[in-house]
Amino acid sequence: ETLIRPDGTSFLITHELQFDRPIYKPLHIRL
């Protein structure tokens, strides 16, 4: 992120966030 101070100067903040992808699980059917 670029943040702007009241005097017009800027500084950077780097965020590191986590999330996941799904784990696929095959489903079986019999009938």
Full PDB file with SEQRES, HELIX, SHEET, SSBOND, CRYST1, ORIGX, SCALE, CONECT and MASTER records, all heavy atoms in Angstrom:
SEQRES   1 A   31  GLU THR LEU ILE ARG PRO ASP GLY THR SER PHE LEU ILE          
SEQRES   2 A   31  THR HIS GLU LEU GLN PHE ASP ARG PRO ILE TYR LYS PRO          
SEQRES   3 A   31  LEU HIS ILE ARG LEU                                          
SHEET    1 AA1 2 THR A   2  ILE A   4  0                                        
SHEET    2 AA1 2 SER A  10  LEU A  12 -1                                        
CRYST1    1.000    1.000    1.000  90.00  90.00  90.00 P 1           1          
ORIGX1      1.000000  0.000000  0.000000        0.00000                         
ORIGX2      0.000000  1.000000  0.000000        0.00000                         
ORIGX3      0.000000  0.000000  1.000000        0.00000                         
SCALE1      1.000000  0.000000  0.000000        0.00000                         
SCALE2      0.000000  1.000000  0.000000        0.00000                         
SCALE3      0.000000  0.000000  1.000000        0.00000                         
ATOM      1  N   GLU A   1       0.839  -1.203   0.000  1.00  0.00           N  
ATOM      2  CA  GLU A   1       0.000   0.000   0.000  1.00  0.00           C  
ATOM      3  C   GLU A   1       0.870   1.248   0.000  1.00  0.00           C  
ATOM      4  O   GLU A   1       1.919   1.287   0.663  1.00  0.00           O  
ATOM      5  CB  GLU A   1      -0.880   0.027   1.252  1.00  0.00           C  
ATOM      6  CG  GLU A   1      -2.199  -0.664   1.133  1.00  0.00           C  
ATOM      7  CD  GLU A   1      -3.069  -0.395   2.343  1.00  0.00           C  
ATOM      8  OE1 GLU A   1      -2.654  -0.750   3.467  1.00  0.00           O  
ATOM      9  OE2 GLU A   1      -4.158   0.193   2.178  1.00  0.00           O  
ATOM     10  N   THR A   2       0.417   2.240  -0.720  1.00  0.00           N  
ATOM     11  CA  THR A   2       1.067   3.553  -0.675  1.00  0.00           C  
ATOM     12  C   THR A   2       0.203   4.495   0.154  1.00  0.00           C  
ATOM     13  O   THR A   2      -0.955   4.750  -0.192  1.00  0.00           O  
ATOM     14  CB  THR A   2       1.246   4.125  -2.091  1.00  0.00           C  
ATOM     15  OG1 THR A   2       2.049   3.219  -2.870  1.00  0.00           O  
ATOM     16  CG2 THR A   2       1.931   5.481  -2.031  1.00  0.00           C  
ATOM     17  N   LEU A   3       0.727   4.992   1.246  1.00  0.00           N  
ATOM     18  CA  LEU A   3      -0.005   5.885   2.146  1.00  0.00           C  
ATOM     19  C   LEU A   3       0.545   7.307   2.014  1.00  0.00           C  
ATOM     20  O   LEU A   3       1.757   7.507   1.913  1.00  0.00           O  
ATOM     21  CB  LEU A   3       0.114   5.405   3.583  1.00  0.00           C  
ATOM     22  CG  LEU A   3      -0.357   3.963   3.861  1.00  0.00           C  
ATOM     23  CD1 LEU A   3      -0.216   3.632   5.339  1.00  0.00           C  
ATOM     24  CD2 LEU A   3      -1.804   3.781   3.409  1.00  0.00           C  
ATOM     25  N   ILE A   4      -0.357   8.259   2.002  1.00  0.00           N  
ATOM     26  CA  ILE A   4       0.013   9.669   1.823  1.00  0.00           C  
ATOM     27  C   ILE A   4      -0.108  10.411   3.151  1.00  0.00           C  
ATOM     28  O   ILE A   4      -1.160  10.414   3.789  1.00  0.00           O  
ATOM     29  CB  ILE A   4      -0.879  10.345   0.766  1.00  0.00           C  
ATOM     30  CG1 ILE A   4      -0.905   9.513  -0.530  1.00  0.00           C  
ATOM     31  CG2 ILE A   4      -0.393  11.763   0.492  1.00  0.00           C  
ATOM     32  CD1 ILE A   4       0.447   9.356  -1.184  1.00  0.00           C  
ATOM     33  N   ARG A   5       0.971  11.049   3.558  1.00  0.00           N  
ATOM     34  CA  ARG A   5       0.965  11.853   4.775  1.00  0.00           C  
ATOM     35  C   ARG A   5       0.282  13.197   4.505  1.00  0.00           C  
ATOM     36  O   ARG A   5       0.091  13.589   3.346  1.00  0.00           O  
ATOM     37  CB  ARG A   5       2.397  12.105   5.253  1.00  0.00           C  
ATOM     38  CG  ARG A   5       3.183  10.840   5.596  1.00  0.00           C  
ATOM     39  CD  ARG A   5       4.532  11.225   6.185  1.00  0.00           C  
ATOM     40  NE  ARG A   5       5.335  10.051   6.530  1.00  0.00           N  
ATOM     41  CZ  ARG A   5       6.223   9.486   5.732  1.00  0.00           C  
ATOM     42  NH1 ARG A   5       6.435  10.006   4.496  1.00  0.00           N  
ATOM     43  NH2 ARG A   5       6.915   8.426   6.122  1.00  0.00           N  
ATOM     44  N   PRO A   6      -0.084  13.937   5.588  1.00  0.00           N  
ATOM     45  CA  PRO A   6      -0.712  15.248   5.398  1.00  0.00           C  
ATOM     46  C   PRO A   6       0.138  16.238   4.605  1.00  0.00           C  
ATOM     47  O   PRO A   6      -0.405  17.110   3.922  1.00  0.00           O  
ATOM     48  CB  PRO A   6      -0.923  15.744   6.847  1.00  0.00           C  
ATOM     49  CG  PRO A   6      -1.039  14.489   7.658  1.00  0.00           C  
ATOM     50  CD  PRO A   6      -0.102  13.519   7.007  1.00  0.00           C  
ATOM     51  N   ASP A   7       1.483  16.077   4.671  1.00  0.00           N  
ATOM     52  CA  ASP A   7       2.328  17.025   3.934  1.00  0.00           C  
ATOM     53  C   ASP A   7       2.546  16.611   2.479  1.00  0.00           C  
ATOM     54  O   ASP A   7       3.304  17.244   1.748  1.00  0.00           O  
ATOM     55  CB  ASP A   7       3.678  17.197   4.644  1.00  0.00           C  
ATOM     56  CG  ASP A   7       4.475  15.889   4.684  1.00  0.00           C  
ATOM     57  OD1 ASP A   7       3.986  14.869   4.149  1.00  0.00           O  
ATOM     58  OD2 ASP A   7       5.581  15.894   5.261  1.00  0.00           O  
ATOM     59  N   GLY A   8       1.877  15.534   2.060  1.00  0.00           N  
ATOM     60  CA  GLY A   8       1.965  15.109   0.671  1.00  0.00           C  
ATOM     61  C   GLY A   8       2.995  14.054   0.393  1.00  0.00           C  
ATOM     62  O   GLY A   8       3.020  13.477  -0.701  1.00  0.00           O  
ATOM     63  N   THR A   9       3.892  13.784   1.340  1.00  0.00           N  
ATOM     64  CA  THR A   9       4.879  12.728   1.134  1.00  0.00           C  
ATOM     65  C   THR A   9       4.214  11.369   1.340  1.00  0.00           C  
ATOM     66  O   THR A   9       3.131  11.267   1.935  1.00  0.00           O  
ATOM     67  CB  THR A   9       6.055  12.881   2.107  1.00  0.00           C  
ATOM     68  OG1 THR A   9       5.565  12.814   3.462  1.00  0.00           O  
ATOM     69  CG2 THR A   9       6.757  14.210   1.886  1.00  0.00           C  
ATOM     70  N   SER A  10       4.852  10.335   0.860  1.00  0.00           N  
ATOM     71  CA  SER A  10       4.254   9.001   0.932  1.00  0.00           C  
ATOM     72  C   SER A  10       5.235   7.991   1.517  1.00  0.00           C  
ATOM     73  O   SER A  10       6.451   8.224   1.561  1.00  0.00           O  
ATOM     74  CB  SER A  10       3.823   8.542  -0.461  1.00  0.00           C  
ATOM     75  OG  SER A  10       4.939   8.416  -1.324  1.00  0.00           O  
ATOM     76  N   PHE A  11       4.684   6.869   1.970  1.00  0.00           N  
ATOM     77  CA  PHE A  11       5.503   5.752   2.413  1.00  0.00           C  
ATOM     78  C   PHE A  11       4.732   4.465   2.128  1.00  0.00           C  
ATOM     79  O   PHE A  11       3.515   4.485   1.888  1.00  0.00           O  
ATOM     80  CB  PHE A  11       5.862   5.863   3.896  1.00  0.00           C  
ATOM     81  CG  PHE A  11       4.690   5.760   4.838  1.00  0.00           C  
ATOM     82  CD1 PHE A  11       4.414   4.574   5.511  1.00  0.00           C  
ATOM     83  CD2 PHE A  11       3.867   6.856   5.069  1.00  0.00           C  
ATOM     84  CE1 PHE A  11       3.343   4.475   6.380  1.00  0.00           C  
ATOM     85  CE2 PHE A  11       2.795   6.772   5.944  1.00  0.00           C  
ATOM     86  CZ  PHE A  11       2.537   5.578   6.598  1.00  0.00           C  
ATOM     87  N   LEU A  12       5.445   3.355   2.128  1.00  0.00           N  
ATOM     88  CA  LEU A  12       4.873   2.076   1.730  1.00  0.00           C  
ATOM     89  C   LEU A  12       4.697   1.153   2.925  1.00  0.00           C  
ATOM     90  O   LEU A  12       5.516   1.133   3.846  1.00  0.00           O  
ATOM     91  CB  LEU A  12       5.770   1.386   0.688  1.00  0.00           C  
ATOM     92  CG  LEU A  12       6.073   2.181  -0.584  1.00  0.00           C  
ATOM     93  CD1 LEU A  12       7.003   1.373  -1.481  1.00  0.00           C  
ATOM     94  CD2 LEU A  12       4.791   2.546  -1.322  1.00  0.00           C  
ATOM     95  N   ILE A  13       3.605   0.387   2.903  1.00  0.00           N  
ATOM     96  CA  ILE A  13       3.376  -0.676   3.875  1.00  0.00           C  
ATOM     97  C   ILE A  13       3.132  -1.962   3.100  1.00  0.00           C  
ATOM     98  O   ILE A  13       2.251  -2.023   2.236  1.00  0.00           O  
ATOM     99  CB  ILE A  13       2.157  -0.388   4.778  1.00  0.00           C  
ATOM    100  CG1 ILE A  13       2.426   0.802   5.688  1.00  0.00           C  
ATOM    101  CG2 ILE A  13       1.817  -1.610   5.622  1.00  0.00           C  
ATOM    102  CD1 ILE A  13       1.285   1.103   6.622  1.00  0.00           C  
ATOM    103  N   THR A  14       3.916  -2.988   3.391  1.00  0.00           N  
ATOM    104  CA  THR A  14       3.759  -4.277   2.715  1.00  0.00           C  
ATOM    105  C   THR A  14       3.018  -5.247   3.628  1.00  0.00           C  
ATOM    106  O   THR A  14       3.414  -5.457   4.784  1.00  0.00           O  
ATOM    107  CB  THR A  14       5.123  -4.869   2.321  1.00  0.00           C  
ATOM    108  OG1 THR A  14       5.766  -3.983   1.407  1.00  0.00           O  
ATOM    109  CG2 THR A  14       4.951  -6.225   1.658  1.00  0.00           C  
ATOM    110  N   HIS A  15       1.941  -5.798   3.098  1.00  0.00           N  
ATOM    111  CA  HIS A  15       1.131  -6.768   3.848  1.00  0.00           C  
ATOM    112  C   HIS A  15       1.418  -8.171   3.323  1.00  0.00           C  
ATOM    113  O   HIS A  15       1.528  -8.376   2.115  1.00  0.00           O  
ATOM    114  CB  HIS A  15      -0.362  -6.480   3.680  1.00  0.00           C  
ATOM    115  CG  HIS A  15      -0.767  -5.097   4.085  1.00  0.00           C  
ATOM    116  ND1 HIS A  15      -1.231  -4.783   5.340  1.00  0.00           N  
ATOM    117  CD2 HIS A  15      -0.793  -3.938   3.365  1.00  0.00           C  
ATOM    118  CE1 HIS A  15      -1.536  -3.486   5.383  1.00  0.00           C  
ATOM    119  NE2 HIS A  15      -1.274  -2.949   4.202  1.00  0.00           N  
ATOM    120  N   GLU A  16       1.530  -9.118   4.229  1.00  0.00           N  
ATOM    121  CA  GLU A  16       1.626 -10.529   3.862  1.00  0.00           C  
ATOM    122  C   GLU A  16       0.443 -11.260   4.485  1.00  0.00           C  
ATOM    123  O   GLU A  16       0.319 -11.314   5.707  1.00  0.00           O  
ATOM    124  CB  GLU A  16       2.944 -11.143   4.335  1.00  0.00           C  
ATOM    125  CG  GLU A  16       4.152 -10.742   3.516  1.00  0.00           C  
ATOM    126  CD  GLU A  16       5.351 -11.645   3.785  1.00  0.00           C  
ATOM    127  OE1 GLU A  16       5.236 -12.522   4.669  1.00  0.00           O  
ATOM    128  OE2 GLU A  16       6.380 -11.465   3.124  1.00  0.00           O  
ATOM    129  N   LEU A  17      -0.424 -11.796   3.624  1.00  0.00           N  
ATOM    130  CA  LEU A  17      -1.625 -12.481   4.092  1.00  0.00           C  
ATOM    131  C   LEU A  17      -1.643 -13.901   3.552  1.00  0.00           C  
ATOM    132  O   LEU A  17      -1.031 -14.193   2.526  1.00  0.00           O  
ATOM    133  CB  LEU A  17      -2.883 -11.738   3.657  1.00  0.00           C  
ATOM    134  CG  LEU A  17      -3.314 -10.549   4.534  1.00  0.00           C  
ATOM    135  CD1 LEU A  17      -2.366  -9.376   4.352  1.00  0.00           C  
ATOM    136  CD2 LEU A  17      -4.734 -10.119   4.180  1.00  0.00           C  
ATOM    137  N   GLN A  18      -2.374 -14.755   4.250  1.00  0.00           N  
ATOM    138  CA  GLN A  18      -2.451 -16.161   3.869  1.00  0.00           C  
ATOM    139  C   GLN A  18      -3.880 -16.556   3.497  1.00  0.00           C  
ATOM    140  O   GLN A  18      -4.857 -16.004   4.035  1.00  0.00           O  
ATOM    141  CB  GLN A  18      -1.970 -17.061   5.009  1.00  0.00           C  
ATOM    142  CG  GLN A  18      -0.483 -16.993   5.298  1.00  0.00           C  
ATOM    143  CD  GLN A  18      -0.055 -15.712   5.996  1.00  0.00           C  
ATOM    144  OE1 GLN A  18      -0.767 -15.217   6.878  1.00  0.00           O  
ATOM    145  NE2 GLN A  18       1.076 -15.156   5.602  1.00  0.00           N  
ATOM    146  N   PHE A  19      -3.983 -17.515   2.593  1.00  0.00           N  
ATOM    147  CA  PHE A  19      -5.256 -18.170   2.292  1.00  0.00           C  
ATOM    148  C   PHE A  19      -4.927 -19.549   1.751  1.00  0.00           C  
ATOM    149  O   PHE A  19      -3.760 -19.934   1.648  1.00  0.00           O  
ATOM    150  CB  PHE A  19      -6.101 -17.344   1.307  1.00  0.00           C  
ATOM    151  CG  PHE A  19      -5.556 -17.309  -0.098  1.00  0.00           C  
ATOM    152  CD1 PHE A  19      -6.041 -18.171  -1.073  1.00  0.00           C  
ATOM    153  CD2 PHE A  19      -4.569 -16.400  -0.462  1.00  0.00           C  
ATOM    154  CE1 PHE A  19      -5.549 -18.132  -2.364  1.00  0.00           C  
ATOM    155  CE2 PHE A  19      -4.067 -16.353  -1.759  1.00  0.00           C  
ATOM    156  CZ  PHE A  19      -4.553 -17.231  -2.713  1.00  0.00           C  
ATOM    157  N   ASP A  20      -5.929 -20.310   1.408  1.00  0.00           N  
ATOM    158  CA  ASP A  20      -5.710 -21.673   0.920  1.00  0.00           C  
ATOM    159  C   ASP A  20      -6.442 -21.932  -0.384  1.00  0.00           C  
ATOM    160  O   ASP A  20      -7.396 -21.214  -0.741  1.00  0.00           O  
ATOM    161  CB  ASP A  20      -6.178 -22.700   1.960  1.00  0.00           C  
ATOM    162  CG  ASP A  20      -5.083 -23.070   2.951  1.00  0.00           C  
ATOM    163  OD1 ASP A  20      -3.935 -23.253   2.501  1.00  0.00           O  
ATOM    164  OD2 ASP A  20      -5.378 -23.177   4.155  1.00  0.00           O  
ATOM    165  N   ARG A  21      -6.002 -22.962  -1.080  1.00  0.00           N  
ATOM    166  CA  ARG A  21      -6.712 -23.515  -2.218  1.00  0.00           C  
ATOM    167  C   ARG A  21      -7.472 -24.754  -1.733  1.00  0.00           C  
ATOM    168  O   ARG A  21      -7.096 -25.366  -0.727  1.00  0.00           O  
ATOM    169  CB  ARG A  21      -5.736 -23.910  -3.331  1.00  0.00           C  
ATOM    170  CG  ARG A  21      -4.949 -22.746  -3.920  1.00  0.00           C  
ATOM    171  CD  ARG A  21      -5.839 -21.737  -4.600  1.00  0.00           C  
ATOM    172  NE  ARG A  21      -5.054 -20.786  -5.408  1.00  0.00           N  
ATOM    173  CZ  ARG A  21      -5.563 -19.739  -6.033  1.00  0.00           C  
ATOM    174  NH1 ARG A  21      -6.854 -19.489  -5.939  1.00  0.00           N  
ATOM    175  NH2 ARG A  21      -4.798 -18.933  -6.743  1.00  0.00           N  
ATOM    176  N   PRO A  22      -8.534 -25.155  -2.422  1.00  0.00           N  
ATOM    177  CA  PRO A  22      -9.286 -26.333  -1.972  1.00  0.00           C  
ATOM    178  C   PRO A  22      -8.498 -27.623  -2.139  1.00  0.00           C  
ATOM    179  O   PRO A  22      -7.640 -27.742  -3.020  1.00  0.00           O  
ATOM    180  CB  PRO A  22     -10.524 -26.319  -2.872  1.00  0.00           C  
ATOM    181  CG  PRO A  22     -10.100 -25.566  -4.091  1.00  0.00           C  
ATOM    182  CD  PRO A  22      -9.143 -24.525  -3.607  1.00  0.00           C  
ATOM    183  N   ILE A  23      -8.805 -28.586  -1.298  1.00  0.00           N  
ATOM    184  CA  ILE A  23      -8.259 -29.938  -1.416  1.00  0.00           C  
ATOM    185  C   ILE A  23      -9.347 -30.792  -2.073  1.00  0.00           C  
ATOM    186  O   ILE A  23     -10.427 -30.986  -1.500  1.00  0.00           O  
ATOM    187  CB  ILE A  23      -7.883 -30.514  -0.044  1.00  0.00           C  
ATOM    188  CG1 ILE A  23      -6.787 -29.660   0.599  1.00  0.00           C  
ATOM    189  CG2 ILE A  23      -7.433 -31.958  -0.173  1.00  0.00           C  
ATOM    190  CD1 ILE A  23      -6.450 -30.076   2.024  1.00  0.00           C  
ATOM    191  N   TYR A  24      -9.071 -31.269  -3.271  1.00  0.00           N  
ATOM    192  CA  TYR A  24     -10.085 -32.022  -4.009  1.00  0.00           C  
ATOM    193  C   TYR A  24     -10.156 -33.458  -3.493  1.00  0.00           C  
ATOM    194  O   TYR A  24      -9.132 -34.130  -3.318  1.00  0.00           O  
ATOM    195  CB  TYR A  24      -9.762 -32.010  -5.499  1.00  0.00           C  
ATOM    196  CG  TYR A  24      -9.768 -30.623  -6.088  1.00  0.00           C  
ATOM    197  CD1 TYR A  24      -8.583 -29.990  -6.446  1.00  0.00           C  
ATOM    198  CD2 TYR A  24     -10.961 -29.928  -6.280  1.00  0.00           C  
ATOM    199  CE1 TYR A  24      -8.578 -28.709  -6.981  1.00  0.00           C  
ATOM    200  CE2 TYR A  24     -10.972 -28.651  -6.813  1.00  0.00           C  
ATOM    201  CZ  TYR A  24      -9.778 -28.043  -7.153  1.00  0.00           C  
ATOM    202  OH  TYR A  24      -9.783 -26.775  -7.677  1.00  0.00           O  
ATOM    203  N   LYS A  25     -11.381 -33.919  -3.275  1.00  0.00           N  
ATOM    204  CA  LYS A  25     -11.624 -35.263  -2.763  1.00  0.00           C  
ATOM    205  C   LYS A  25     -12.637 -35.976  -3.650  1.00  0.00           C  
ATOM    206  O   LYS A  25     -13.804 -35.576  -3.697  1.00  0.00           O  
ATOM    207  CB  LYS A  25     -12.140 -35.196  -1.320  1.00  0.00           C  
ATOM    208  CG  LYS A  25     -11.165 -34.509  -0.358  1.00  0.00           C  
ATOM    209  CD  LYS A  25     -11.669 -34.523   1.066  1.00  0.00           C  
ATOM    210  CE  LYS A  25     -10.652 -33.900   2.014  1.00  0.00           C  
ATOM    211  NZ  LYS A  25     -11.114 -33.938   3.423  1.00  0.00           N  
ATOM    212  N   PRO A  26     -12.187 -37.008  -4.373  1.00  0.00           N  
ATOM    213  CA  PRO A  26     -13.110 -37.727  -5.257  1.00  0.00           C  
ATOM    214  C   PRO A  26     -14.253 -38.366  -4.471  1.00  0.00           C  
ATOM    215  O   PRO A  26     -14.036 -38.980  -3.419  1.00  0.00           O  
ATOM    216  CB  PRO A  26     -12.227 -38.796  -5.909  1.00  0.00           C  
ATOM    217  CG  PRO A  26     -10.832 -38.273  -5.769  1.00  0.00           C  
ATOM    218  CD  PRO A  26     -10.816 -37.527  -4.466  1.00  0.00           C  
ATOM    219  N   LEU A  27     -15.466 -38.203  -4.979  1.00  0.00           N  
ATOM    220  CA  LEU A  27     -16.645 -38.810  -4.379  1.00  0.00           C  
ATOM    221  C   LEU A  27     -17.045 -40.018  -5.229  1.00  0.00           C  
ATOM    222  O   LEU A  27     -16.989 -39.963  -6.466  1.00  0.00           O  
ATOM    223  CB  LEU A  27     -17.792 -37.795  -4.330  1.00  0.00           C  
ATOM    224  CG  LEU A  27     -19.071 -38.244  -3.622  1.00  0.00           C  
ATOM    225  CD1 LEU A  27     -18.823 -38.380  -2.120  1.00  0.00           C  
ATOM    226  CD2 LEU A  27     -20.205 -37.246  -3.873  1.00  0.00           C  
ATOM    227  N   HIS A  28     -17.430 -41.100  -4.563  1.00  0.00           N  
ATOM    228  CA  HIS A  28     -17.834 -42.326  -5.254  1.00  0.00           C  
ATOM    229  C   HIS A  28     -19.308 -42.596  -4.971  1.00  0.00           C  
ATOM    230  O   HIS A  28     -19.797 -42.355  -3.860  1.00  0.00           O  
ATOM    231  CB  HIS A  28     -16.997 -43.518  -4.779  1.00  0.00           C  
ATOM    232  CG  HIS A  28     -15.527 -43.343  -4.998  1.00  0.00           C  
ATOM    233  ND1 HIS A  28     -14.846 -43.935  -6.034  1.00  0.00           N  
ATOM    234  CD2 HIS A  28     -14.598 -42.625  -4.307  1.00  0.00           C  
ATOM    235  CE1 HIS A  28     -13.568 -43.610  -5.974  1.00  0.00           C  
ATOM    236  NE2 HIS A  28     -13.388 -42.809  -4.931  1.00  0.00           N  
ATOM    237  N   ILE A  29     -20.012 -43.109  -5.976  1.00  0.00           N  
ATOM    238  CA  ILE A  29     -21.429 -43.451  -5.837  1.00  0.00           C  
ATOM    239  C   ILE A  29     -21.649 -44.866  -6.363  1.00  0.00           C  
ATOM    240  O   ILE A  29     -21.096 -45.247  -7.400  1.00  0.00           O  
ATOM    241  CB  ILE A  29     -22.334 -42.476  -6.618  1.00  0.00           C  
ATOM    242  CG1 ILE A  29     -22.286 -41.075  -6.012  1.00  0.00           C  
ATOM    243  CG2 ILE A  29     -23.783 -42.975  -6.638  1.00  0.00           C  
ATOM    244  CD1 ILE A  29     -23.160 -40.067  -6.734  1.00  0.00           C  
ATOM    245  N   ARG A  30     -22.461 -45.622  -5.652  1.00  0.00           N  
ATOM    246  CA  ARG A  30     -22.918 -46.906  -6.166  1.00  0.00           C  
ATOM    247  C   ARG A  30     -24.416 -47.009  -5.902  1.00  0.00           C  
ATOM    248  O   ARG A  30     -24.916 -46.498  -4.894  1.00  0.00           O  
ATOM    249  CB  ARG A  30     -22.162 -48.069  -5.530  1.00  0.00           C  
ATOM    250  CG  ARG A  30     -22.460 -48.302  -4.056  1.00  0.00           C  
ATOM    251  CD  ARG A  30     -21.629 -49.455  -3.517  1.00  0.00           C  
ATOM    252  NE  ARG A  30     -21.968 -49.744  -2.117  1.00  0.00           N  
ATOM    253  CZ  ARG A  30     -21.294 -50.600  -1.355  1.00  0.00           C  
ATOM    254  NH1 ARG A  30     -20.235 -51.239  -1.852  1.00  0.00           N  
ATOM    255  NH2 ARG A  30     -21.666 -50.820  -0.098  1.00  0.00           N  
ATOM    256  N   LEU A  31     -25.135 -47.658  -6.810  1.00  0.00           N  
ATOM    257  CA  LEU A  31     -26.592 -47.753  -6.697  1.00  0.00           C  
ATOM    258  C   LEU A  31     -27.115 -48.846  -7.613  1.00  0.00           C  
ATOM    259  O   LEU A  31     -26.408 -49.328  -8.518  1.00  0.00           O  
ATOM    260  CB  LEU A  31     -27.252 -46.421  -7.042  1.00  0.00           C  
ATOM    261  CG  LEU A  31     -27.232 -46.000  -8.523  1.00  0.00           C  
ATOM    262  CD1 LEU A  31     -28.356 -45.011  -8.799  1.00  0.00           C  
ATOM    263  CD2 LEU A  31     -25.895 -45.370  -8.899  1.00  0.00           C  
TER     264      LEU A  31                                                      
MASTER        0    0    0    0    2    0    0    6  263    1    0    3          
END                                                                             
